[in-house]
């Protein structure tokens, strides 16, 4: 039996993509889960990390608290949510496996687990990005009379943006790949194709699901890489302008400050 030939046959069979449990529906379901989890994690992590990075305080605690979550396997956390049902759902084989609209079975549990999984790279990269803005650029901006809010929006954030986006890129691909394991605890997404295929010894189906997950991971990585490239100082116009203008002003401001002391 040629397993890879079976996988290709499954991929190119229109029936594999149709219906409620078809690969197209499950692909959309997992993509929706991934993007929603990323939005939640970004909304929570970025304001905290950027603010702490701007102030230069509390970063060590924030990074270590979020990194503590890396020691807890996402699968274990997901299984705990599904069995314990902290969301008050009641459906499916387990209490926490209830349907959540377009997110499917165990949607609430999967969303929370994935959002928590996305926090560490977002927090770490955003905080480090703010702290790595060159000090002479910051001093130049202050010497030009910028307020703290202007300094944050017009100087620090544009220059920190590439590393911030790098953290989002890393989290995005990790969340997409990790979302697949939700099927092991009756969760949604393309993992169901993989699990069902191997459980039923239809290995071509299981490999076909894995191929779709891998191809989508590459597409998400490529898209995020293009965004990251665009926001870099050499690619993003605003960041380039800030870097050029304040780099030119920095020596004069720093020199004047030194003479004043």
Protein backbone atom coordinates (compact mmCIF):
# COMPACT_ATOMS: atom_id res chain seq x y z
CA UNK A 1 0.00 0.00 0.00
CA UNK A 2 1.39 3.38 -1.04
CA UNK A 3 0.43 5.67 1.83
CA UNK A 4 1.54 8.84 0.08
CA UNK A 5 -0.46 7.96 -3.02
CA UNK A 6 -3.49 7.46 -0.77
CA UNK A 7 -2.83 10.85 0.84
CA UNK A 8 -2.70 12.56 -2.55
CA UNK A 9 -5.88 10.78 -3.61
CA UNK A 10 -7.61 11.98 -0.44
CA UNK A 11 -6.38 15.55 -0.97
CA UNK A 12 -7.62 15.72 -4.55
CA UNK A 13 -10.95 14.03 -3.88
CA UNK A 14 -13.61 16.81 -3.82
CA UNK A 15 -15.64 14.78 -1.32
CA UNK A 16 -12.84 15.17 1.24
CA UNK A 17 -13.37 18.92 1.30
CA UNK A 18 -17.16 19.04 1.44
CA UNK A 19 -19.55 18.89 4.36
CA UNK A 20 -19.52 19.83 8.03
CA UNK A 21 -16.55 17.56 8.73
CA UNK A 22 -14.84 18.22 5.41
CA UNK A 23 -11.29 19.56 5.34
CA UNK A 24 -12.38 22.97 4.07
CA UNK A 25 -14.72 23.51 7.03
CA UNK A 26 -12.10 22.25 9.48
CA UNK A 27 -9.42 24.42 7.86
CA UNK A 28 -11.58 27.52 8.27
CA UNK A 29 -12.39 26.46 11.83
CA UNK A 30 -8.72 26.11 12.79
CA UNK A 31 -7.78 29.34 11.03
CA UNK A 32 -10.53 31.17 12.89
CA UNK A 33 -9.35 29.68 16.18
CA UNK A 34 -5.76 30.70 15.47
CA UNK A 35 -6.55 34.28 14.48
CA UNK A 36 -8.97 34.80 17.38
CA UNK A 37 -6.48 33.43 19.90
CA UNK A 38 -3.82 35.72 18.42
CA UNK A 39 -6.11 38.74 18.67
CA UNK A 40 -6.89 37.99 22.31
CA UNK A 41 -3.24 37.39 23.21
CA UNK A 42 -2.11 40.50 21.35
CA UNK A 43 -4.77 42.68 22.99
CA UNK A 44 -3.63 41.48 26.42
CA UNK A 45 0.14 41.25 25.93
CA UNK A 46 1.12 44.18 23.71
CA UNK A 47 -0.20 47.09 25.85
CA UNK A 48 1.46 45.65 28.96
CA UNK A 49 4.79 44.80 27.31
CA UNK A 50 5.07 48.07 25.36
CA UNK A 51 4.18 50.18 28.38
CA UNK A 52 6.68 48.38 30.63
CA UNK A 53 9.31 48.64 27.91
CA UNK A 54 8.69 52.38 27.57
CA UNK A 55 8.88 52.90 31.33
CA UNK A 56 11.81 50.52 31.75
CA UNK A 57 10.26 48.88 34.80
CA UNK A 58 8.58 45.59 35.58
CA UNK A 59 9.83 43.83 32.47
CA UNK A 60 11.69 41.09 34.33
CA UNK A 61 8.57 40.12 36.23
CA UNK A 62 6.29 40.26 33.18
CA UNK A 63 8.62 38.15 31.04
CA UNK A 64 9.16 35.54 33.73
CA UNK A 65 5.47 35.28 34.58
CA UNK A 66 4.54 34.70 30.94
CA UNK A 67 7.49 32.38 30.35
CA UNK A 68 6.32 30.28 33.29
CA UNK A 69 3.46 29.25 31.03
CA UNK A 70 5.93 27.55 28.69
CA UNK A 71 6.65 25.00 31.39
CA UNK A 72 3.02 23.85 31.24
CA UNK A 73 2.29 21.71 28.15
CA UNK A 74 -0.53 23.22 26.12
CA UNK A 75 -2.07 19.79 25.68
CA UNK A 76 -2.23 19.29 29.47
CA UNK A 77 -3.81 22.71 29.90
CA UNK A 78 -6.32 22.02 27.15
CA UNK A 79 -7.24 18.65 28.62
CA UNK A 80 -7.74 20.26 32.03
CA UNK A 81 -10.04 22.92 30.57
CA UNK A 82 -12.09 20.35 28.69
CA UNK A 83 -12.57 18.04 31.69
CA UNK A 84 -12.96 20.68 34.41
CA UNK A 85 -15.22 22.94 32.32
CA UNK A 86 -14.31 26.31 33.90
CA UNK A 87 -16.43 28.05 31.25
CA UNK A 88 -19.71 26.49 32.37
CA UNK A 89 -20.36 24.65 29.11
CA UNK A 90 -22.28 21.42 29.09
CA UNK A 91 -22.12 19.27 26.02
CA UNK A 92 -20.16 16.63 24.19
CA UNK A 93 -18.50 13.70 25.91
CA UNK A 94 -16.80 15.98 28.45
CA UNK A 95 -18.30 19.04 30.18
CA UNK A 96 -15.85 21.51 28.61
CA UNK A 97 -16.33 20.12 25.12
CA UNK A 98 -19.45 22.10 24.33
CA UNK A 99 -19.88 23.85 20.98
CA UNK A 100 -18.88 27.49 20.67
CA UNK A 101 -20.46 28.76 17.47
CA UNK A 102 -18.04 28.67 14.51
CA UNK A 103 -15.18 27.53 16.78
CA UNK A 104 -16.61 24.04 17.08
CA UNK A 105 -16.42 21.51 19.90
CA UNK A 106 -14.36 22.58 22.92
CA UNK A 107 -14.04 25.96 21.24
CA UNK A 108 -13.83 27.99 24.45
CA UNK A 109 -11.26 25.68 26.03
CA UNK A 110 -9.13 25.65 22.88
CA UNK A 111 -9.25 29.44 22.48
CA UNK A 112 -8.11 30.11 26.03
CA UNK A 113 -5.33 27.50 25.88
CA UNK A 114 -4.03 28.86 22.57
CA UNK A 115 -4.19 32.48 23.73
CA UNK A 116 -2.16 31.61 26.83
CA UNK A 117 0.33 29.76 24.64
CA UNK A 118 0.79 32.86 22.46
CA UNK A 119 1.60 35.23 25.35
CA UNK A 120 5.31 34.47 26.02
CA UNK A 121 6.80 35.32 22.58
CA UNK A 122 4.61 38.42 22.24
CA UNK A 123 5.46 39.80 25.68
CA UNK A 124 9.18 39.00 25.45
CA UNK A 125 9.72 40.42 21.97
CA UNK A 126 7.66 43.56 22.58
CA UNK A 127 9.43 44.40 25.84
CA UNK A 128 12.91 43.71 24.46
CA UNK A 129 12.11 45.69 21.31
CA UNK A 130 11.26 48.78 23.34
CA UNK A 131 14.36 48.45 25.52
CA UNK A 132 16.64 48.05 22.48
CA UNK A 133 15.69 51.38 20.90
CA UNK A 134 19.06 53.23 20.83
CA UNK A 135 19.48 55.49 23.85
CA UNK A 136 20.93 58.31 21.76
CA UNK A 137 17.78 58.32 19.63
CA UNK A 138 15.61 58.55 22.75
CA UNK A 139 17.75 61.38 24.15
CA UNK A 140 17.57 63.21 20.83
CA UNK A 141 13.79 62.98 20.83
CA UNK A 142 13.60 64.31 24.37
CA UNK A 143 16.00 67.08 23.47
CA UNK A 144 13.65 68.07 20.63
CA UNK A 145 10.94 68.62 23.25
CA UNK A 146 8.86 65.47 22.71
CA UNK A 147 6.54 64.41 25.51
CA UNK A 148 6.55 60.84 26.80
CA UNK A 149 3.51 59.98 24.68
CA UNK A 150 5.06 61.53 21.55
CA UNK A 151 8.30 59.71 22.23
CA UNK A 152 6.42 56.41 22.49
CA UNK A 153 4.28 56.86 19.38
CA UNK A 154 6.66 58.67 17.04
CA UNK A 155 10.04 57.23 17.99
CA UNK A 156 10.10 54.09 20.12
CA UNK A 157 7.17 52.22 18.59
CA UNK A 158 8.21 52.66 14.91
CA UNK A 159 11.76 51.54 15.69
CA UNK A 160 10.61 48.66 17.89
CA UNK A 161 7.97 47.47 15.43
CA UNK A 162 10.13 44.94 13.49
CA UNK A 163 10.98 42.97 16.62
CA UNK A 164 7.38 43.26 17.86
CA UNK A 165 6.12 41.82 14.58
CA UNK A 166 8.78 39.09 14.83
CA UNK A 167 7.21 38.00 18.13
CA UNK A 168 3.75 38.01 16.58
CA UNK A 169 5.06 35.99 13.64
CA UNK A 170 6.58 33.39 15.96
CA UNK A 171 3.40 33.17 18.03
CA UNK A 172 1.17 32.90 14.96
CA UNK A 173 2.94 29.86 13.51
CA UNK A 174 3.23 28.20 16.91
CA UNK A 175 -0.46 28.70 17.66
CA UNK A 176 -1.49 27.37 14.25
CA UNK A 177 0.58 24.22 14.68
CA UNK A 178 -0.48 23.71 18.30
CA UNK A 179 -4.17 24.11 17.47
CA UNK A 180 -3.95 20.74 15.72
CA UNK A 181 -3.61 18.87 19.02
CA UNK A 182 -7.04 20.06 20.16
CA UNK A 183 -8.50 17.07 18.31
CA UNK A 184 -6.87 14.78 20.86
CA UNK A 185 -9.38 16.05 23.43
CA UNK A 186 -12.41 16.18 21.12
CA UNK A 187 -11.44 19.68 20.02
CA UNK A 188 -11.92 21.39 16.65
CA UNK A 189 -9.70 21.91 13.63
CA UNK A 190 -7.73 19.88 11.12
CA UNK A 191 -6.34 17.69 13.85
CA UNK A 192 -9.59 15.76 13.63
CA UNK A 193 -8.66 14.59 10.12
CA UNK A 194 -5.26 13.42 11.36
CA UNK A 195 -6.61 11.71 14.48
CA UNK A 196 -9.53 10.08 12.65
CA UNK A 197 -7.24 8.88 9.89
CA UNK A 198 -4.76 7.17 12.18
CA UNK A 199 -7.44 5.84 14.55
CA UNK A 200 -9.20 4.15 11.64
CA UNK A 201 -5.89 3.05 10.07
CA UNK A 202 -6.67 5.22 7.06
CA UNK A 203 -3.13 6.55 7.04
CA UNK A 204 -3.55 8.36 3.75
CA UNK A 205 -6.26 10.51 5.33
CA UNK A 206 -4.10 11.23 8.37
CA UNK A 207 -1.12 12.25 6.25
CA UNK A 208 -3.36 14.36 4.02
CA UNK A 209 -4.48 16.33 7.07
CA UNK A 210 -0.86 16.78 8.16
CA UNK A 211 0.07 18.04 4.69
CA UNK A 212 -2.67 20.69 4.80
CA UNK A 213 -1.53 21.81 8.26
CA UNK A 214 2.09 22.06 7.05
CA UNK A 215 1.19 23.98 3.89
CA UNK A 216 -0.93 26.47 5.85
CA UNK A 217 1.89 26.92 8.37
CA UNK A 218 4.24 27.81 5.51
CA UNK A 219 1.71 30.26 4.05
CA UNK A 220 1.19 31.94 7.43
CA UNK A 221 4.97 32.11 7.96
CA UNK A 222 5.47 33.65 4.52
CA UNK A 223 2.72 36.22 5.05
CA UNK A 224 4.06 37.20 8.46
CA UNK A 225 7.61 37.38 7.08
CA UNK A 226 6.47 39.80 4.37
CA UNK A 227 4.79 42.00 6.98
CA UNK A 228 7.90 41.89 9.16
CA UNK A 229 10.07 42.85 6.19
CA UNK A 230 7.79 45.77 5.36
CA UNK A 231 7.95 47.27 8.85
CA UNK A 232 11.74 47.07 9.09
CA UNK A 233 13.55 50.45 8.91
CA UNK A 234 14.72 49.62 5.39
CA UNK A 235 11.20 48.71 4.26
CA UNK A 236 8.79 50.79 6.33
CA UNK A 237 8.83 54.45 5.34
CA UNK A 238 7.81 55.82 8.71
CA UNK A 239 10.42 53.87 10.65
CA UNK A 240 13.07 54.88 8.11
CA UNK A 241 12.18 58.55 8.47
CA UNK A 242 12.28 58.41 12.27
CA UNK A 243 15.60 56.59 12.28
CA UNK A 244 17.18 59.03 9.85
CA UNK A 245 15.93 62.25 11.39
CA UNK A 246 16.67 61.41 15.01
CA UNK A 247 19.99 59.74 14.27
CA UNK A 248 21.09 63.00 12.67
CA UNK A 249 19.85 65.01 15.62
CA UNK A 250 21.25 62.74 18.31
CA UNK A 251 24.92 63.87 18.26
CA UNK A 252 23.96 67.52 18.61
CA UNK A 253 21.54 66.91 21.45
CA UNK A 254 23.84 64.58 23.35
CA UNK A 255 26.74 66.97 22.87
CA UNK A 256 24.69 69.89 24.19
CA UNK A 257 23.59 67.85 27.19
CA UNK A 258 27.18 66.90 27.95
CA UNK A 259 28.33 70.50 27.78
CA UNK A 260 25.50 71.48 30.09
CA UNK A 261 26.78 69.04 32.71
